[in-house]
Amino acid sequence: MGSGKTTVGPLVAARLGWRFIDVDDVIEAEAGSTIADFFARRGEAEFRRREQETIARLVTGDGLVLALGGGAIENSHTRSMLLALEGTFVVHLEVQLATTLARCAGTEGTRPVLADRANLEARYRRRLPLYRSAHVSIIADALSPEEVVDAVLGAIEMKGS
């Protein structure tokens, strides 16, 4: 949340000539409700099940840049699949919690987790080592979107060499 994936993902996809897909958007379209409503009606466990299914279906596509929700990495099956599947390249856009809070200010209505600071901090600490298991982590706090895109494409190029 607030790392820049929604801004950077489409830019990376455009530079590669690929399609950008936000997994949360796919889930919302298929469920006919927002993620917040989905959580309220069906709970987090059902959302995570749906998220895992959606990622597994999409990750086999060619020429895609996928933006994953922040909790996807906590599912060990999803994490292993993303890291081990040939042709995938997982990029972690790392930002400090303070950056997340600054970038997401004013979105508390659509991001209820922001209202519970203690839970947010615990979630951040719990997930950070998992995020860092990505193929590459890019410290994105002070970078412009174009600088992040350049760093992502540079990392992809290095992987291909």
N, C-alpha and C. Protein backbone atom coordinates (compact mmCIF):
# COMPACT_ATOMS: atom_id res chain seq x y z
N MET A 1 0.84 -1.17 0.00
CA MET A 1 0.00 0.00 0.00
C MET A 1 0.89 1.24 0.00
N GLY A 2 0.66 2.08 -1.00
CA GLY A 2 1.43 3.31 -1.07
C GLY A 2 2.83 3.16 -1.62
N SER A 3 3.16 1.98 -2.13
CA SER A 3 4.51 1.76 -2.66
C SER A 3 4.69 2.32 -4.07
N GLY A 4 3.57 2.51 -4.76
CA GLY A 4 3.64 3.04 -6.12
C GLY A 4 3.29 2.03 -7.19
N LYS A 5 2.85 0.84 -6.82
CA LYS A 5 2.60 -0.20 -7.83
C LYS A 5 1.51 0.19 -8.82
N THR A 6 0.49 0.91 -8.37
CA THR A 6 -0.59 1.30 -9.27
C THR A 6 -0.14 2.36 -10.26
N THR A 7 0.84 3.16 -9.87
CA THR A 7 1.41 4.17 -10.77
C THR A 7 2.49 3.56 -11.65
N VAL A 8 3.40 2.81 -11.04
CA VAL A 8 4.57 2.28 -11.74
C VAL A 8 4.21 1.09 -12.63
N GLY A 9 3.32 0.22 -12.16
CA GLY A 9 2.96 -0.98 -12.93
C GLY A 9 2.54 -0.69 -14.36
N PRO A 10 1.59 0.23 -14.58
CA PRO A 10 1.20 0.54 -15.96
C PRO A 10 2.34 1.14 -16.79
N LEU A 11 3.21 1.91 -16.14
CA LEU A 11 4.35 2.50 -16.86
C LEU A 11 5.34 1.42 -17.30
N VAL A 12 5.61 0.46 -16.41
CA VAL A 12 6.49 -0.66 -16.77
C VAL A 12 5.86 -1.46 -17.90
N ALA A 13 4.57 -1.75 -17.77
CA ALA A 13 3.88 -2.52 -18.81
C ALA A 13 3.95 -1.80 -20.16
N ALA A 14 3.73 -0.50 -20.16
CA ALA A 14 3.78 0.27 -21.41
C ALA A 14 5.17 0.22 -22.04
N ARG A 15 6.21 0.36 -21.22
CA ARG A 15 7.57 0.32 -21.76
C ARG A 15 7.92 -1.05 -22.32
N LEU A 16 7.34 -2.11 -21.74
CA LEU A 16 7.59 -3.46 -22.22
C LEU A 16 6.66 -3.87 -23.36
N GLY A 17 5.61 -3.08 -23.57
CA GLY A 17 4.60 -3.46 -24.56
C GLY A 17 3.70 -4.58 -24.04
N TRP A 18 3.53 -4.63 -22.73
CA TRP A 18 2.72 -5.65 -22.09
C TRP A 18 1.43 -5.04 -21.55
N ARG A 19 0.59 -5.88 -20.95
CA ARG A 19 -0.64 -5.43 -20.30
C ARG A 19 -0.42 -5.33 -18.80
N PHE A 20 -1.07 -4.36 -18.18
CA PHE A 20 -1.05 -4.20 -16.73
C PHE A 20 -2.38 -4.68 -16.18
N ILE A 21 -2.32 -5.51 -15.15
CA ILE A 21 -3.52 -5.99 -14.48
C ILE A 21 -3.32 -5.86 -12.98
N ASP A 22 -4.26 -5.18 -12.33
CA ASP A 22 -4.27 -5.12 -10.87
C ASP A 22 -5.18 -6.25 -10.39
N VAL A 23 -4.63 -7.18 -9.64
CA VAL A 23 -5.37 -8.36 -9.19
C VAL A 23 -6.62 -7.95 -8.41
N ASP A 24 -6.52 -6.91 -7.60
CA ASP A 24 -7.69 -6.45 -6.84
C ASP A 24 -8.82 -6.01 -7.78
N ASP A 25 -8.48 -5.37 -8.90
CA ASP A 25 -9.50 -4.95 -9.86
C ASP A 25 -10.21 -6.16 -10.46
N VAL A 26 -9.46 -7.21 -10.75
CA VAL A 26 -10.05 -8.44 -11.31
C VAL A 26 -11.00 -9.06 -10.28
N ILE A 27 -10.56 -9.14 -9.04
CA ILE A 27 -11.41 -9.72 -7.99
C ILE A 27 -12.68 -8.90 -7.83
N GLU A 28 -12.55 -7.58 -7.81
CA GLU A 28 -13.74 -6.72 -7.68
C GLU A 28 -14.70 -6.94 -8.84
N ALA A 29 -14.18 -7.00 -10.06
CA ALA A 29 -15.03 -7.18 -11.23
C ALA A 29 -15.75 -8.54 -11.18
N GLU A 30 -15.02 -9.57 -10.81
CA GLU A 30 -15.62 -10.91 -10.77
C GLU A 30 -16.59 -11.07 -9.61
N ALA A 31 -16.32 -10.42 -8.49
CA ALA A 31 -17.19 -10.53 -7.31
C ALA A 31 -18.37 -9.57 -7.37
N GLY A 32 -18.25 -8.54 -8.20
CA GLY A 32 -19.30 -7.53 -8.28
C GLY A 32 -19.38 -6.66 -7.05
N SER A 33 -18.24 -6.50 -6.36
CA SER A 33 -18.21 -5.64 -5.17
C SER A 33 -16.79 -5.14 -4.96
N THR A 34 -16.68 -4.13 -4.12
CA THR A 34 -15.35 -3.62 -3.78
C THR A 34 -14.65 -4.62 -2.86
N ILE A 35 -13.34 -4.48 -2.75
CA ILE A 35 -12.59 -5.33 -1.83
C ILE A 35 -13.09 -5.13 -0.40
N ALA A 36 -13.33 -3.88 -0.01
CA ALA A 36 -13.82 -3.61 1.34
C ALA A 36 -15.16 -4.31 1.60
N ASP A 37 -16.07 -4.25 0.63
CA ASP A 37 -17.36 -4.92 0.77
C ASP A 37 -17.18 -6.44 0.81
N PHE A 38 -16.28 -6.94 -0.02
CA PHE A 38 -15.99 -8.38 -0.05
C PHE A 38 -15.53 -8.84 1.33
N PHE A 39 -14.58 -8.10 1.91
CA PHE A 39 -14.09 -8.42 3.26
C PHE A 39 -15.24 -8.40 4.26
N ALA A 40 -16.08 -7.38 4.20
CA ALA A 40 -17.17 -7.24 5.17
C ALA A 40 -18.19 -8.37 5.03
N ARG A 41 -18.51 -8.77 3.82
CA ARG A 41 -19.54 -9.78 3.58
C ARG A 41 -19.01 -11.21 3.73
N ARG A 42 -17.80 -11.45 3.22
CA ARG A 42 -17.32 -12.83 3.14
C ARG A 42 -16.11 -13.12 4.02
N GLY A 43 -15.45 -12.08 4.51
CA GLY A 43 -14.31 -12.27 5.39
C GLY A 43 -12.98 -12.37 4.66
N GLU A 44 -11.92 -12.21 5.45
CA GLU A 44 -10.58 -12.20 4.86
C GLU A 44 -10.18 -13.57 4.32
N ALA A 45 -10.55 -14.64 5.00
CA ALA A 45 -10.15 -15.98 4.55
C ALA A 45 -10.68 -16.25 3.13
N GLU A 46 -11.94 -15.90 2.89
CA GLU A 46 -12.52 -16.11 1.56
C GLU A 46 -11.86 -15.20 0.53
N PHE A 47 -11.55 -13.97 0.94
CA PHE A 47 -10.86 -13.07 0.02
C PHE A 47 -9.50 -13.64 -0.36
N ARG A 48 -8.74 -14.13 0.62
CA ARG A 48 -7.40 -14.68 0.35
C ARG A 48 -7.48 -15.90 -0.56
N ARG A 49 -8.52 -16.73 -0.38
CA ARG A 49 -8.72 -17.88 -1.27
C ARG A 49 -8.96 -17.40 -2.70
N ARG A 50 -9.82 -16.42 -2.83
CA ARG A 50 -10.14 -15.88 -4.16
C ARG A 50 -8.90 -15.22 -4.77
N GLU A 51 -8.14 -14.51 -3.96
CA GLU A 51 -6.93 -13.85 -4.40
C GLU A 51 -5.92 -14.88 -4.93
N GLN A 52 -5.73 -15.97 -4.18
CA GLN A 52 -4.79 -17.00 -4.60
C GLN A 52 -5.22 -17.63 -5.93
N GLU A 53 -6.50 -17.94 -6.07
CA GLU A 53 -7.02 -18.50 -7.32
C GLU A 53 -6.80 -17.54 -8.49
N THR A 54 -7.08 -16.28 -8.26
CA THR A 54 -6.95 -15.27 -9.32
C THR A 54 -5.50 -15.12 -9.75
N ILE A 55 -4.60 -15.04 -8.80
CA ILE A 55 -3.17 -14.91 -9.12
C ILE A 55 -2.70 -16.14 -9.88
N ALA A 56 -3.07 -17.34 -9.42
CA ALA A 56 -2.66 -18.58 -10.08
C ALA A 56 -3.14 -18.61 -11.53
N ARG A 57 -4.33 -18.11 -11.77
CA ARG A 57 -4.89 -18.08 -13.12
C ARG A 57 -4.16 -17.06 -14.01
N LEU A 58 -3.88 -15.88 -13.44
CA LEU A 58 -3.29 -14.81 -14.23
C LEU A 58 -1.79 -14.97 -14.46
N VAL A 59 -1.08 -15.55 -13.50
CA VAL A 59 0.39 -15.58 -13.55
C VAL A 59 0.90 -16.42 -14.73
N THR A 60 0.07 -17.27 -15.28
CA THR A 60 0.51 -18.09 -16.42
C THR A 60 0.40 -17.35 -17.74
N GLY A 61 -0.18 -16.17 -17.74
CA GLY A 61 -0.32 -15.39 -18.96
C GLY A 61 1.01 -14.78 -19.38
N ASP A 62 1.16 -14.58 -20.66
CA ASP A 62 2.37 -13.95 -21.19
C ASP A 62 2.18 -12.45 -21.31
N GLY A 63 3.28 -11.72 -21.15
CA GLY A 63 3.27 -10.28 -21.36
C GLY A 63 2.39 -9.52 -20.39
N LEU A 64 2.45 -9.90 -19.12
CA LEU A 64 1.62 -9.25 -18.10
C LEU A 64 2.48 -8.67 -16.99
N VAL A 65 2.08 -7.50 -16.54
CA VAL A 65 2.60 -6.94 -15.29
C VAL A 65 1.42 -7.00 -14.33
N LEU A 66 1.58 -7.77 -13.26
CA LEU A 66 0.51 -7.92 -12.27
C LEU A 66 0.84 -7.11 -11.02
N ALA A 67 -0.13 -6.37 -10.54
CA ALA A 67 -0.01 -5.70 -9.25
C ALA A 67 -0.79 -6.53 -8.25
N LEU A 68 -0.11 -6.93 -7.18
CA LEU A 68 -0.73 -7.78 -6.16
C LEU A 68 -1.08 -6.97 -4.94
N GLY A 69 -2.15 -7.36 -4.27
CA GLY A 69 -2.49 -6.75 -3.00
C GLY A 69 -1.42 -7.07 -1.97
N GLY A 70 -1.31 -6.24 -0.96
CA GLY A 70 -0.26 -6.36 0.03
C GLY A 70 -0.24 -7.67 0.79
N GLY A 71 -1.38 -8.31 0.95
CA GLY A 71 -1.43 -9.56 1.71
C GLY A 71 -1.14 -10.81 0.90
N ALA A 72 -1.07 -10.69 -0.41
CA ALA A 72 -0.85 -11.88 -1.25
C ALA A 72 0.43 -12.60 -0.88
N ILE A 73 1.43 -11.86 -0.50
CA ILE A 73 2.75 -12.44 -0.21
C ILE A 73 2.71 -13.31 1.05
N GLU A 74 1.72 -13.11 1.91
CA GLU A 74 1.64 -13.90 3.14
C GLU A 74 1.18 -15.33 2.89
N ASN A 75 0.57 -15.59 1.75
CA ASN A 75 0.16 -16.95 1.42
C ASN A 75 1.37 -17.70 0.89
N SER A 76 1.81 -18.72 1.62
CA SER A 76 3.05 -19.42 1.25
C SER A 76 2.95 -20.08 -0.12
N HIS A 77 1.77 -20.59 -0.48
CA HIS A 77 1.60 -21.20 -1.80
C HIS A 77 1.75 -20.15 -2.90
N THR A 78 1.09 -19.02 -2.73
CA THR A 78 1.19 -17.94 -3.72
C THR A 78 2.62 -17.45 -3.83
N ARG A 79 3.26 -17.23 -2.69
CA ARG A 79 4.64 -16.74 -2.67
C ARG A 79 5.57 -17.72 -3.39
N SER A 80 5.47 -19.00 -3.06
CA SER A 80 6.32 -20.02 -3.70
C SER A 80 6.08 -20.08 -5.20
N MET A 81 4.80 -20.03 -5.60
CA MET A 81 4.47 -20.08 -7.02
C MET A 81 5.08 -18.90 -7.76
N LEU A 82 4.93 -17.71 -7.22
CA LEU A 82 5.45 -16.52 -7.88
C LEU A 82 6.97 -16.53 -7.99
N LEU A 83 7.62 -17.03 -6.96
CA LEU A 83 9.08 -17.01 -6.95
C LEU A 83 9.69 -18.14 -7.78
N ALA A 84 8.97 -19.26 -7.90
CA ALA A 84 9.55 -20.43 -8.57
C ALA A 84 9.10 -20.62 -10.01
N LEU A 85 7.97 -20.08 -10.38
CA LEU A 85 7.43 -20.31 -11.72
C LEU A 85 8.33 -19.67 -12.77
N GLU A 86 8.74 -20.46 -13.74
CA GLU A 86 9.60 -19.93 -14.79
C GLU A 86 8.89 -18.80 -15.53
N GLY A 87 9.63 -17.74 -15.74
CA GLY A 87 9.08 -16.60 -16.47
C GLY A 87 8.53 -15.50 -15.58
N THR A 88 8.43 -15.75 -14.27
CA THR A 88 7.97 -14.69 -13.39
C THR A 88 9.16 -13.93 -12.83
N PHE A 89 8.92 -12.68 -12.50
CA PHE A 89 9.94 -11.84 -11.89
C PHE A 89 9.22 -10.96 -10.88
N VAL A 90 9.41 -11.24 -9.62
CA VAL A 90 8.70 -10.54 -8.55
C VAL A 90 9.53 -9.34 -8.12
N VAL A 91 8.89 -8.17 -8.17
CA VAL A 91 9.53 -6.92 -7.79
C VAL A 91 8.84 -6.37 -6.55
N HIS A 92 9.62 -6.06 -5.55
CA HIS A 92 9.11 -5.45 -4.33
C HIS A 92 9.49 -3.97 -4.35
N LEU A 93 8.49 -3.11 -4.34
CA LEU A 93 8.74 -1.67 -4.24
C LEU A 93 8.68 -1.34 -2.76
N GLU A 94 9.85 -1.17 -2.17
CA GLU A 94 9.93 -0.98 -0.73
C GLU A 94 9.86 0.50 -0.36
N VAL A 95 8.95 0.79 0.55
CA VAL A 95 8.85 2.14 1.12
C VAL A 95 8.72 2.00 2.63
N GLN A 96 9.19 3.01 3.34
CA GLN A 96 9.03 3.04 4.79
C GLN A 96 7.56 3.26 5.13
N LEU A 97 7.19 2.85 6.32
CA LEU A 97 5.80 3.01 6.75
C LEU A 97 5.38 4.48 6.71
N ALA A 98 6.29 5.37 7.06
CA ALA A 98 5.98 6.81 7.02
C ALA A 98 5.62 7.25 5.61
N THR A 99 6.30 6.70 4.62
CA THR A 99 5.99 7.02 3.22
C THR A 99 4.60 6.51 2.86
N THR A 100 4.29 5.30 3.27
CA THR A 100 2.96 4.74 3.03
C THR A 100 1.89 5.65 3.61
N LEU A 101 2.09 6.06 4.86
CA LEU A 101 1.09 6.90 5.51
C LEU A 101 0.93 8.24 4.81
N ALA A 102 2.04 8.83 4.38
CA ALA A 102 1.97 10.12 3.68
C ALA A 102 1.27 9.97 2.33
N ARG A 103 1.62 8.92 1.59
CA ARG A 103 1.04 8.73 0.26
C ARG A 103 -0.44 8.35 0.31
N CYS A 104 -0.85 7.69 1.40
CA CYS A 104 -2.22 7.20 1.50
C CYS A 104 -3.13 8.10 2.33
N ALA A 105 -2.60 9.23 2.80
CA ALA A 105 -3.41 10.15 3.59
C ALA A 105 -4.66 10.54 2.81
N GLY A 106 -5.79 10.49 3.48
CA GLY A 106 -7.05 10.85 2.85
C GLY A 106 -7.79 9.67 2.24
N THR A 107 -7.19 8.48 2.27
CA THR A 107 -7.86 7.30 1.69
C THR A 107 -8.35 6.33 2.76
N GLU A 108 -8.43 6.81 3.99
CA GLU A 108 -8.83 5.94 5.09
C GLU A 108 -10.22 5.32 4.87
N GLY A 109 -11.08 6.00 4.14
CA GLY A 109 -12.42 5.48 3.86
C GLY A 109 -12.41 4.22 3.02
N THR A 110 -11.45 4.11 2.13
CA THR A 110 -11.36 2.92 1.29
C THR A 110 -10.27 1.96 1.76
N ARG A 111 -9.49 2.40 2.75
CA ARG A 111 -8.43 1.56 3.31
C ARG A 111 -8.56 1.57 4.83
N PRO A 112 -9.48 0.77 5.35
CA PRO A 112 -9.75 0.80 6.79
C PRO A 112 -8.54 0.44 7.65
N VAL A 113 -7.59 -0.30 7.11
CA VAL A 113 -6.41 -0.69 7.88
C VAL A 113 -5.62 0.53 8.33
N LEU A 114 -5.75 1.65 7.62
CA LEU A 114 -5.03 2.85 7.99
C LEU A 114 -5.50 3.44 9.32
N ALA A 115 -6.72 3.12 9.70
CA ALA A 115 -7.28 3.67 10.94
C ALA A 115 -6.69 3.00 12.18
N ASP A 116 -6.18 1.81 12.03
CA ASP A 116 -5.63 1.05 13.16
C ASP A 116 -4.12 1.04 13.05
N ARG A 117 -3.50 2.07 13.59
CA ARG A 117 -2.05 2.27 13.43
C ARG A 117 -1.22 1.12 13.99
N ALA A 118 -1.59 0.60 15.15
CA ALA A 118 -0.83 -0.50 15.76
C ALA A 118 -0.88 -1.74 14.87
N ASN A 119 -2.06 -2.05 14.36
CA ASN A 119 -2.21 -3.19 13.46
C ASN A 119 -1.43 -2.97 12.16
N LEU A 120 -1.48 -1.76 11.65
CA LEU A 120 -0.75 -1.42 10.43
C LEU A 120 0.75 -1.61 10.62
N GLU A 121 1.27 -1.14 11.74
CA GLU A 121 2.71 -1.29 12.01
C GLU A 121 3.09 -2.75 12.16
N ALA A 122 2.27 -3.53 12.85
CA ALA A 122 2.54 -4.96 13.02
C ALA A 122 2.51 -5.68 11.67
N ARG A 123 1.55 -5.33 10.84
CA ARG A 123 1.42 -5.93 9.51
C ARG A 123 2.64 -5.59 8.66
N TYR A 124 3.07 -4.35 8.74
CA TYR A 124 4.24 -3.90 7.98
C TYR A 124 5.48 -4.71 8.40
N ARG A 125 5.70 -4.83 9.69
CA ARG A 125 6.87 -5.59 10.20
C ARG A 125 6.78 -7.07 9.82
N ARG A 126 5.59 -7.64 9.86
CA ARG A 126 5.40 -9.06 9.54
C ARG A 126 5.63 -9.33 8.06
N ARG A 127 5.18 -8.42 7.23
CA ARG A 127 5.26 -8.65 5.78
C ARG A 127 6.59 -8.27 5.16
N LEU A 128 7.31 -7.34 5.75
CA LEU A 128 8.54 -6.83 5.13
C LEU A 128 9.53 -7.95 4.77
N PRO A 129 9.84 -8.89 5.66
CA PRO A 129 10.77 -9.95 5.26
C PRO A 129 10.24 -10.81 4.11
N LEU A 130 8.92 -10.97 4.06
CA LEU A 130 8.32 -11.73 2.96
C LEU A 130 8.45 -10.96 1.64
N TYR A 131 8.18 -9.67 1.69
CA TYR A 131 8.36 -8.84 0.49
C TYR A 131 9.80 -8.90 0.01
N ARG A 132 10.72 -8.90 0.94
CA ARG A 132 12.14 -8.90 0.57
C ARG A 132 12.60 -10.23 -0.02
N SER A 133 11.73 -11.25 -0.01
CA SER A 133 12.06 -12.51 -0.67
C SER A 133 11.85 -12.40 -2.19
N ALA A 134 11.36 -11.27 -2.66
CA ALA A 134 11.15 -11.04 -4.09
C ALA A 134 12.47 -11.18 -4.84
N HIS A 135 12.37 -11.34 -6.14
CA HIS A 135 13.58 -11.42 -6.96
C HIS A 135 14.42 -10.17 -6.84
N VAL A 136 13.75 -9.03 -6.65
CA VAL A 136 14.47 -7.76 -6.46
C VAL A 136 13.61 -6.84 -5.59
N SER A 137 14.27 -6.10 -4.72
CA SER A 137 13.62 -5.05 -3.94
C SER A 137 14.20 -3.72 -4.37
N ILE A 138 13.33 -2.77 -4.61
CA ILE A 138 13.75 -1.43 -5.02
C ILE A 138 13.27 -0.45 -3.95
N ILE A 139 14.21 0.27 -3.35
CA ILE A 139 13.86 1.28 -2.35
C ILE A 139 13.26 2.46 -3.12
N ALA A 140 11.97 2.70 -2.91
CA ALA A 140 11.24 3.63 -3.77
C ALA A 140 10.81 4.92 -3.08
N ASP A 141 11.15 5.11 -1.81
CA ASP A 141 10.67 6.28 -1.07
C ASP A 141 10.96 7.60 -1.79
N ALA A 142 12.18 7.79 -2.21
CA ALA A 142 12.61 9.08 -2.74
C ALA A 142 12.70 9.10 -4.27
N LEU A 143 12.24 8.04 -4.92
CA LEU A 143 12.34 7.98 -6.38
C LEU A 143 11.06 8.46 -7.04
N SER A 144 11.21 9.09 -8.19
CA SER A 144 10.04 9.45 -9.00
C SER A 144 9.51 8.17 -9.65
N PRO A 145 8.27 8.18 -10.11
CA PRO A 145 7.77 6.99 -10.81
C PRO A 145 8.67 6.56 -11.98
N GLU A 146 9.17 7.50 -12.75
CA GLU A 146 10.04 7.14 -13.88
C GLU A 146 11.35 6.51 -13.41
N GLU A 147 11.88 6.99 -12.29
CA GLU A 147 13.10 6.39 -11.74
C GLU A 147 12.84 4.96 -11.26
N VAL A 148 11.67 4.74 -10.69
CA VAL A 148 11.32 3.39 -10.28
C VAL A 148 11.17 2.49 -11.50
N VAL A 149 10.51 2.99 -12.54
CA VAL A 149 10.37 2.22 -13.78
C VAL A 149 11.75 1.85 -14.33
N ASP A 150 12.65 2.81 -14.38
CA ASP A 150 14.01 2.53 -14.87
C ASP A 150 14.69 1.47 -14.02
N ALA A 151 14.51 1.53 -12.70
CA ALA A 151 15.12 0.54 -11.81
C ALA A 151 14.52 -0.84 -12.04
N VAL A 152 13.21 -0.91 -12.22
CA VAL A 152 12.55 -2.20 -12.49
C VAL A 152 13.05 -2.78 -13.81
N LEU A 153 13.07 -1.95 -14.85
CA LEU A 153 13.51 -2.45 -16.16
C LEU A 153 14.99 -2.85 -16.13
N GLY A 154 15.79 -2.12 -15.38
CA GLY A 154 17.19 -2.48 -15.22
C GLY A 154 17.34 -3.84 -14.53
N ALA A 155 16.51 -4.08 -13.52
CA ALA A 155 16.56 -5.36 -12.81
C ALA A 155 16.12 -6.50 -13.72
N ILE A 156 15.11 -6.26 -14.54
CA ILE A 156 14.64 -7.27 -15.48
C ILE A 156 15.74 -7.59 -16.49
N GLU A 157 16.38 -6.54 -16.97
CA GLU A 157 17.47 -6.71 -17.94
C GLU A 157 18.62 -7.52 -17.33
N MET A 158 18.95 -7.22 -16.07
CA MET A 158 20.02 -7.96 -15.38
C MET A 158 19.67 -9.43 -15.23
N LYS A 159 18.40 -9.72 -14.96
CA LYS A 159 17.96 -11.11 -14.82
C LYS A 159 18.13 -11.85 -16.13
N GLY A 160 17.83 -11.16 -17.22
CA GLY A 160 17.91 -11.77 -18.54
C GLY A 160 19.32 -12.01 -19.03
N SER A 161 20.31 -11.35 -18.42
CA SER A 161 21.69 -11.49 -18.88
C SER A 161 22.33 -12.76 -18.38
